[in-house]
């Protein structure tokens, strides 16, 4: 299992959440939480669908985001099952998948959620990179803000999404690519 993303509670830095994935196609994973700075970890992904044939693993989780103004509010992004939100510090999760695109050629599996962030300038509004495009969660649906990019066709992995702390119109997107 590989840790793909960490979310740290800014009010309590000893509380850290880890999004993990592994296996062929990063198909298995899970969410983990520590409240003691990493000395011990507990699985924290109740409500995220279990990977087929496993009671212990979800589909791979690649992204976690924490709303700094409301640290008990978290987002998790998976390889196959879309986006999930927790309002209780990761104890339980519900899907927020209205508007999430499906993987090319599928009507069952959602596009991979590569990166998540909570916009501090717009009330913690969820923002994501999924299927090569930027989306925001407005109302109760994900809305595309960009068309599929040239980079997504090359296998660009946008694994980092961050808002500038003071400039409301600056968003950082980064990752690695191959082509």
Foldseek 3Di string as FASTA:
>chain_A
DDFQDKEAAPVQRLWMKTFFFDDVVSQWTFIWIGRGNPPDIDTQEAAADARPPDPPTHTGWNEKEAQNVQRQWMWIWHQWRGIWIGNGNRNHIHHLEAAFDCDPPDPRTGFGFQYWYQQNVPVRWIWTQGLQFIWTCDDRHTDTPDDRDPQVVQVFRFNDWDDDPPDNPDIDTDGDTHD
